[in-house]
Amino acid sequence: MQPDTPYIFISHSSEDRDFAVKLAEGLTAAGFRPWVDVDAIPDGSSWAREIEKAVTHCGALVVVMSKPARESEWVERETLLALELHKPVLIARLDDTLLPISLINRQATDFRKKYDPAIKRLITALGKVSLDKPTGVEPAKLSPTPNSLNYFTYMEQLPNGVENARIARILFDWAKDNTDSLTFSGRSEPVFHAHVWVGAGGVVVFSVRSFSKQPSVQVPLQYLMSFPPYDAQDRRMGVLAALNQLTSTPLEDTRADRLPTLPLTNLATDAALDSFKAIISEIVKNLRGA
């Protein structure tokens, strides 16, 4: 194989090194040129500099995704650099670890069961991408932070994912028309917040959080208590009572000064969604009229 043949960078955690080597051997047998850091960095070289150079000049990147890889700062850096440079990025998925939000729209090959069929699928996928030029995907679609393009796809990985993503999308679309702004935050557990501009700045009136065990909606009464009329405890208790109509497990009274949280599944019906939107509409109206 010619040394200038486009090569495939294999990004992996050190704990997955054996798998990365096996994968490299399989790609080599299929006619590809893999690059793995266990044997590709010359002695005495600056490791970080060689890694950056290798990602910059690769034809494509395959990230070996596992729990250790999800927690690896270097795997994240390598992947984000490849995305920033518009490299083809494919995923070899080893376990049930959630894909990071920056990779949510990328092609993943499932290695959780049988290796041989999986590597055949990965080889087929690599054969369909150009290893000579960038993919041309717009940078906005590759954001490593949550946004309206990747948040709902990320949520689909979670428990009851399709249904929760549907509920979250409805709340997001409603908030666009009824609150003053929407923001995203949280790379490990993405969240969107609906704001109302009031007082010297603004306040969040509800948030939808993609908790890994149970995606939920929150109404931050602990922040609303700084703004009239919700500086009065009886008004906050009224909000809490309304929220309790949406759950079979009532929230404790102490939540009136804290952060009432409901599973998104509590809003699965049209009636429940309408009730929740009515609660938030009342909050927004009262904040604006105070």
Protein backbone atom coordinates (compact mmCIF):
# COMPACT_ATOMS: atom_id res chain seq x y z
CA MET A 1 0.00 0.00 0.00
CA GLN A 2 1.31 3.46 -0.89
CA PRO A 3 2.32 5.64 2.10
CA ASP A 4 0.18 8.51 0.78
CA THR A 5 -2.96 6.32 0.73
CA PRO A 6 -5.61 8.02 2.91
CA TYR A 7 -5.58 6.35 6.31
CA ILE A 8 -8.24 5.79 8.97
CA PHE A 9 -7.54 7.12 12.46
CA ILE A 10 -8.86 4.79 15.19
CA SER A 11 -9.75 6.81 18.28
CA HIS A 12 -10.05 4.69 21.41
CA SER A 13 -9.56 4.55 25.15
CA SER A 14 -6.46 2.78 26.41
CA GLU A 15 -8.82 0.27 28.06
CA ASP A 16 -10.06 -0.71 24.58
CA ARG A 17 -6.59 -1.07 23.08
CA ASP A 18 -6.93 -4.79 22.34
CA PHE A 19 -10.15 -4.18 20.44
CA ALA A 20 -8.58 -1.25 18.54
CA VAL A 21 -5.67 -3.44 17.45
CA LYS A 22 -8.03 -6.20 16.35
CA LEU A 23 -10.11 -3.65 14.45
CA ALA A 24 -7.00 -2.26 12.76
CA GLU A 25 -6.02 -5.75 11.67
CA GLY A 26 -9.46 -6.30 10.17
CA LEU A 27 -9.38 -3.00 8.30
CA THR A 28 -5.92 -3.77 6.99
CA ALA A 29 -7.12 -7.14 5.71
CA ALA A 30 -9.95 -5.33 3.91
CA GLY A 31 -7.48 -3.06 2.11
CA PHE A 32 -7.67 0.01 4.35
CA ARG A 33 -4.75 1.74 6.06
CA PRO A 34 -5.53 2.19 9.79
CA TRP A 35 -3.64 4.44 12.23
CA VAL A 36 -3.56 3.36 15.87
CA ASP A 37 -1.51 5.22 18.46
CA VAL A 38 -0.18 2.04 20.08
CA ASP A 39 2.34 1.55 17.29
CA ALA A 40 2.15 4.56 14.98
CA ILE A 41 3.94 7.25 17.01
CA PRO A 42 7.74 7.34 16.58
CA ASP A 43 9.91 7.10 19.69
CA GLY A 44 10.76 10.50 21.12
CA SER A 45 7.90 12.29 19.38
CA SER A 46 5.55 14.61 21.19
CA TRP A 47 2.50 12.43 21.74
CA ALA A 48 -0.07 15.24 21.69
CA ARG A 49 1.46 16.83 18.60
CA GLU A 50 1.57 13.53 16.72
CA ILE A 51 -2.04 12.78 17.63
CA GLU A 52 -3.18 16.19 16.38
CA LYS A 53 -1.20 15.74 13.17
CA ALA A 54 -2.63 12.26 12.64
CA VAL A 55 -6.24 13.41 13.04
CA THR A 56 -5.65 16.46 10.84
CA HIS A 57 -4.31 14.39 7.95
CA CYS A 58 -6.50 11.29 8.23
CA GLY A 59 -9.02 10.35 5.59
CA ALA A 60 -11.61 9.29 8.17
CA LEU A 61 -11.91 8.59 11.88
CA VAL A 62 -13.45 5.58 13.55
CA VAL A 63 -14.16 6.13 17.24
CA VAL A 64 -14.35 3.03 19.43
CA MET A 65 -17.21 4.04 21.72
CA SER A 66 -17.45 2.49 25.17
CA LYS A 67 -17.87 3.68 28.74
CA PRO A 68 -14.11 4.34 29.11
CA ALA A 69 -14.07 6.14 25.74
CA ARG A 70 -17.08 8.27 26.75
CA GLU A 71 -15.10 9.37 29.81
CA SER A 72 -11.82 9.90 27.94
CA GLU A 73 -10.81 13.51 27.39
CA TRP A 74 -8.50 12.50 24.54
CA VAL A 75 -11.15 10.51 22.67
CA GLU A 76 -13.40 13.56 22.92
CA ARG A 77 -10.65 15.88 21.66
CA GLU A 78 -9.77 13.63 18.74
CA THR A 79 -13.39 13.26 17.72
CA LEU A 80 -14.20 16.96 17.99
CA LEU A 81 -11.12 17.87 15.93
CA ALA A 82 -12.16 15.41 13.21
CA LEU A 83 -15.68 16.87 13.18
CA GLU A 84 -14.35 20.42 13.05
CA LEU A 85 -12.27 19.44 10.02
CA HIS A 86 -15.29 17.79 8.36
CA LYS A 87 -13.71 14.34 8.36
CA PRO A 88 -15.97 11.31 7.92
CA VAL A 89 -16.54 10.01 11.45
CA LEU A 90 -17.90 6.52 12.09
CA ILE A 91 -18.56 4.76 15.38
CA ALA A 92 -17.73 1.23 16.54
CA ARG A 93 -20.08 0.79 19.49
CA LEU A 94 -18.90 -1.68 22.16
CA ASP A 95 -21.52 -1.28 24.91
CA ASP A 96 -24.73 0.51 25.85
CA THR A 97 -23.02 3.78 26.73
CA LEU A 98 -24.94 6.77 25.40
CA LEU A 99 -23.40 8.42 22.38
CA PRO A 100 -22.11 11.94 23.16
CA ILE A 101 -24.20 14.68 21.68
CA SER A 102 -21.50 15.56 19.14
CA LEU A 103 -21.82 12.09 17.59
CA ILE A 104 -25.55 11.62 17.77
CA ASN A 105 -26.10 11.99 14.01
CA ARG A 106 -23.11 9.88 12.95
CA GLN A 107 -23.25 6.32 11.64
CA ALA A 108 -22.75 3.73 14.38
CA THR A 109 -21.88 0.06 13.89
CA ASP A 110 -23.00 -2.26 16.69
CA PHE A 111 -20.17 -4.45 17.99
CA ARG A 112 -22.07 -5.40 21.15
CA LYS A 113 -22.88 -8.90 19.90
CA LYS A 114 -21.00 -10.66 17.11
CA TYR A 115 -17.73 -9.18 15.89
CA ASP A 116 -17.54 -10.65 12.38
CA PRO A 117 -20.87 -9.32 11.04
CA ALA A 118 -20.16 -5.97 12.69
CA ILE A 119 -16.77 -5.43 11.09
CA LYS A 120 -18.24 -6.35 7.71
CA ARG A 121 -20.86 -3.61 8.18
CA LEU A 122 -18.18 -1.12 9.23
CA ILE A 123 -16.04 -1.99 6.21
CA THR A 124 -19.06 -1.51 3.96
CA ALA A 125 -19.77 1.86 5.56
CA LEU A 126 -16.15 2.97 5.12
CA GLY A 127 -16.31 1.94 1.48
CA LYS A 128 -19.14 4.40 0.94
CA VAL A 129 -17.36 7.52 2.26
CA SER A 130 -14.71 9.61 0.57
CA LEU A 131 -11.32 9.31 2.27
CA ASP A 132 -9.84 12.12 0.19
CA LYS A 133 -11.95 15.16 0.99
CA PRO A 134 -14.23 16.60 3.68
CA THR A 135 -17.83 15.49 3.77
CA GLY A 136 -19.21 19.01 3.41
CA VAL A 137 -21.50 18.70 6.44
CA GLU A 138 -22.29 22.10 7.90
CA PRO A 139 -20.43 22.79 11.17
CA ALA A 140 -23.67 23.70 12.98
CA LYS A 141 -24.79 20.08 12.69
CA LEU A 142 -21.63 18.89 14.39
CA SER A 143 -21.86 21.01 17.52
CA PRO A 144 -20.39 19.33 20.61
CA THR A 145 -22.95 21.23 22.68
CA PRO A 146 -26.73 20.73 22.78
CA ASN A 147 -28.86 22.59 20.26
CA SER A 148 -32.17 22.16 18.48
CA LEU A 149 -30.47 20.01 15.82
CA ASN A 150 -29.14 17.30 18.13
CA TYR A 151 -30.97 17.52 21.47
CA PHE A 152 -34.05 15.52 20.52
CA THR A 153 -32.02 12.84 18.74
CA TYR A 154 -29.88 12.53 21.86
CA MET A 155 -33.01 12.08 23.97
CA GLU A 156 -34.16 9.22 21.76
CA GLN A 157 -31.32 7.09 23.22
CA LEU A 158 -32.77 7.38 26.72
CA PRO A 159 -35.46 5.28 28.43
CA ASN A 160 -38.75 5.53 26.53
CA GLY A 161 -36.72 7.69 24.16
CA VAL A 162 -39.03 8.17 21.18
CA GLU A 163 -42.00 9.13 23.34
CA ASN A 164 -39.99 11.43 25.59
CA ALA A 165 -38.41 13.13 22.58
CA ARG A 166 -41.91 13.70 21.19
CA ILE A 167 -43.07 15.32 24.45
CA ALA A 168 -39.91 17.43 24.67
CA ARG A 169 -40.37 18.63 21.08
CA ILE A 170 -43.97 19.66 21.79
CA LEU A 171 -42.87 21.64 24.86
CA PHE A 172 -40.01 23.22 22.91
CA ASP A 173 -42.29 24.31 20.05
CA TRP A 174 -44.86 25.66 22.49
CA ALA A 175 -42.22 27.59 24.42
CA LYS A 176 -40.96 29.23 21.21
CA ASP A 177 -44.34 30.94 20.91
CA ASN A 178 -45.10 31.61 24.56
CA THR A 179 -41.84 32.44 26.35
CA ASP A 180 -39.11 34.97 25.61
CA SER A 181 -36.13 32.75 24.81
CA LEU A 182 -34.87 29.17 24.75
CA THR A 183 -31.34 28.08 25.61
CA PHE A 184 -29.48 24.76 25.73
CA SER A 185 -26.79 23.64 28.14
CA GLY A 186 -25.23 20.54 29.68
CA ARG A 187 -23.01 18.33 27.51
CA SER A 188 -23.23 15.21 29.69
CA GLU A 189 -26.97 15.54 30.39
CA PRO A 190 -28.34 18.01 27.83
CA VAL A 191 -31.15 20.33 28.86
CA PHE A 192 -33.19 23.13 27.37
CA HIS A 193 -34.55 26.06 29.38
CA ALA A 194 -37.49 28.37 28.66
CA HIS A 195 -36.89 31.95 29.90
CA VAL A 196 -39.08 34.96 30.59
CA TRP A 197 -37.45 38.38 30.66
CA VAL A 198 -38.48 39.97 33.93
CA GLY A 199 -36.83 42.17 36.54
CA ALA A 200 -33.20 43.12 35.92
CA GLY A 201 -32.68 40.07 33.73
CA GLY A 202 -34.79 36.97 33.33
CA VAL A 203 -35.84 33.75 34.94
CA VAL A 204 -36.25 30.15 33.77
CA VAL A 205 -39.89 29.07 33.96
CA PHE A 206 -39.31 25.43 33.05
CA SER A 207 -36.56 23.09 31.86
CA VAL A 208 -36.54 19.73 30.13
CA ARG A 209 -33.61 17.61 31.30
CA SER A 210 -32.32 14.45 29.62
CA PHE A 211 -31.46 12.58 32.80
CA SER A 212 -30.05 9.21 31.74
CA LYS A 213 -32.45 7.17 33.92
CA GLN A 214 -35.57 9.32 33.58
CA PRO A 215 -35.88 12.41 31.34
CA SER A 216 -37.85 15.00 33.27
CA VAL A 217 -39.39 18.45 33.29
CA GLN A 218 -38.60 20.91 36.08
CA VAL A 219 -40.23 24.12 37.28
CA PRO A 220 -37.58 26.08 39.24
CA LEU A 221 -39.64 27.55 42.07
CA GLN A 222 -36.40 28.25 43.93
CA TYR A 223 -35.65 30.91 41.28
CA LEU A 224 -39.22 32.12 40.84
CA MET A 225 -39.36 32.99 44.55
CA SER A 226 -37.18 36.03 43.77
CA PHE A 227 -39.93 37.53 41.57
CA PRO A 228 -43.42 38.70 42.51
CA PRO A 229 -46.00 37.30 42.87
CA TYR A 230 -44.03 34.09 43.49
CA ASP A 231 -42.12 35.67 46.35
CA ALA A 232 -45.26 34.71 48.32
CA GLN A 233 -45.16 31.09 49.44
CA ASP A 234 -48.87 30.55 48.89
CA ARG A 235 -48.41 31.30 45.17
CA ARG A 236 -45.61 28.76 44.94
CA MET A 237 -47.71 26.25 46.83
CA GLY A 238 -50.42 26.83 44.25
CA VAL A 239 -48.01 25.90 41.45
CA LEU A 240 -46.94 22.83 43.38
CA ALA A 241 -50.56 21.76 43.88
CA ALA A 242 -51.20 22.11 40.13
CA LEU A 243 -48.13 20.02 39.33
CA ASN A 244 -49.29 17.37 41.77
CA GLN A 245 -52.39 16.90 39.63
CA LEU A 246 -50.05 15.47 36.99
CA THR A 247 -48.43 12.78 39.11
CA SER A 248 -49.53 9.80 41.17
CA THR A 249 -46.58 10.42 43.50
CA PRO A 250 -47.24 13.85 45.06
CA LEU A 251 -44.32 16.22 45.46
CA GLU A 252 -43.48 17.20 49.04
CA ASP A 253 -44.43 20.69 50.24
CA THR A 254 -40.72 21.53 50.62
CA ARG A 255 -40.50 21.47 46.81
CA ALA A 256 -42.30 24.82 46.78
CA ASP A 257 -38.95 26.37 47.71
CA ARG A 258 -36.87 24.08 45.54
CA LEU A 259 -37.05 22.39 42.15
CA PRO A 260 -40.19 20.31 41.49
CA THR A 261 -39.40 17.58 38.97
CA LEU A 262 -41.79 15.37 37.01
CA PRO A 263 -40.92 12.50 34.67
CA LEU A 264 -41.72 13.43 31.08
CA THR A 265 -43.84 10.30 30.87
CA ASN A 266 -46.32 12.08 33.16
CA LEU A 267 -47.07 14.37 30.21
CA ALA A 268 -47.68 11.62 27.67
CA THR A 269 -51.35 12.45 27.07
CA ASP A 270 -52.70 15.53 25.34
CA ALA A 271 -54.66 16.42 28.48
CA ALA A 272 -51.53 16.27 30.67
CA LEU A 273 -49.53 18.35 28.20
CA ASP A 274 -52.30 20.93 28.03
CA SER A 275 -52.45 21.08 31.83
CA PHE A 276 -48.70 21.59 32.10
CA LYS A 277 -48.73 24.30 29.43
CA ALA A 278 -51.58 26.00 31.32
CA ILE A 279 -49.49 25.98 34.52
CA ILE A 280 -46.54 27.60 32.73
CA SER A 281 -48.81 30.06 30.90
CA GLU A 282 -50.17 31.23 34.25
CA ILE A 283 -46.64 31.68 35.59
CA VAL A 284 -45.57 33.66 32.53
CA LYS A 285 -48.67 35.88 32.70
CA ASN A 286 -48.19 36.59 36.40
CA LEU A 287 -44.47 37.37 36.00
CA ARG A 288 -45.12 39.76 33.14
CA GLY A 289 -48.00 41.44 34.93
CA ALA A 290 -46.27 41.89 38.27
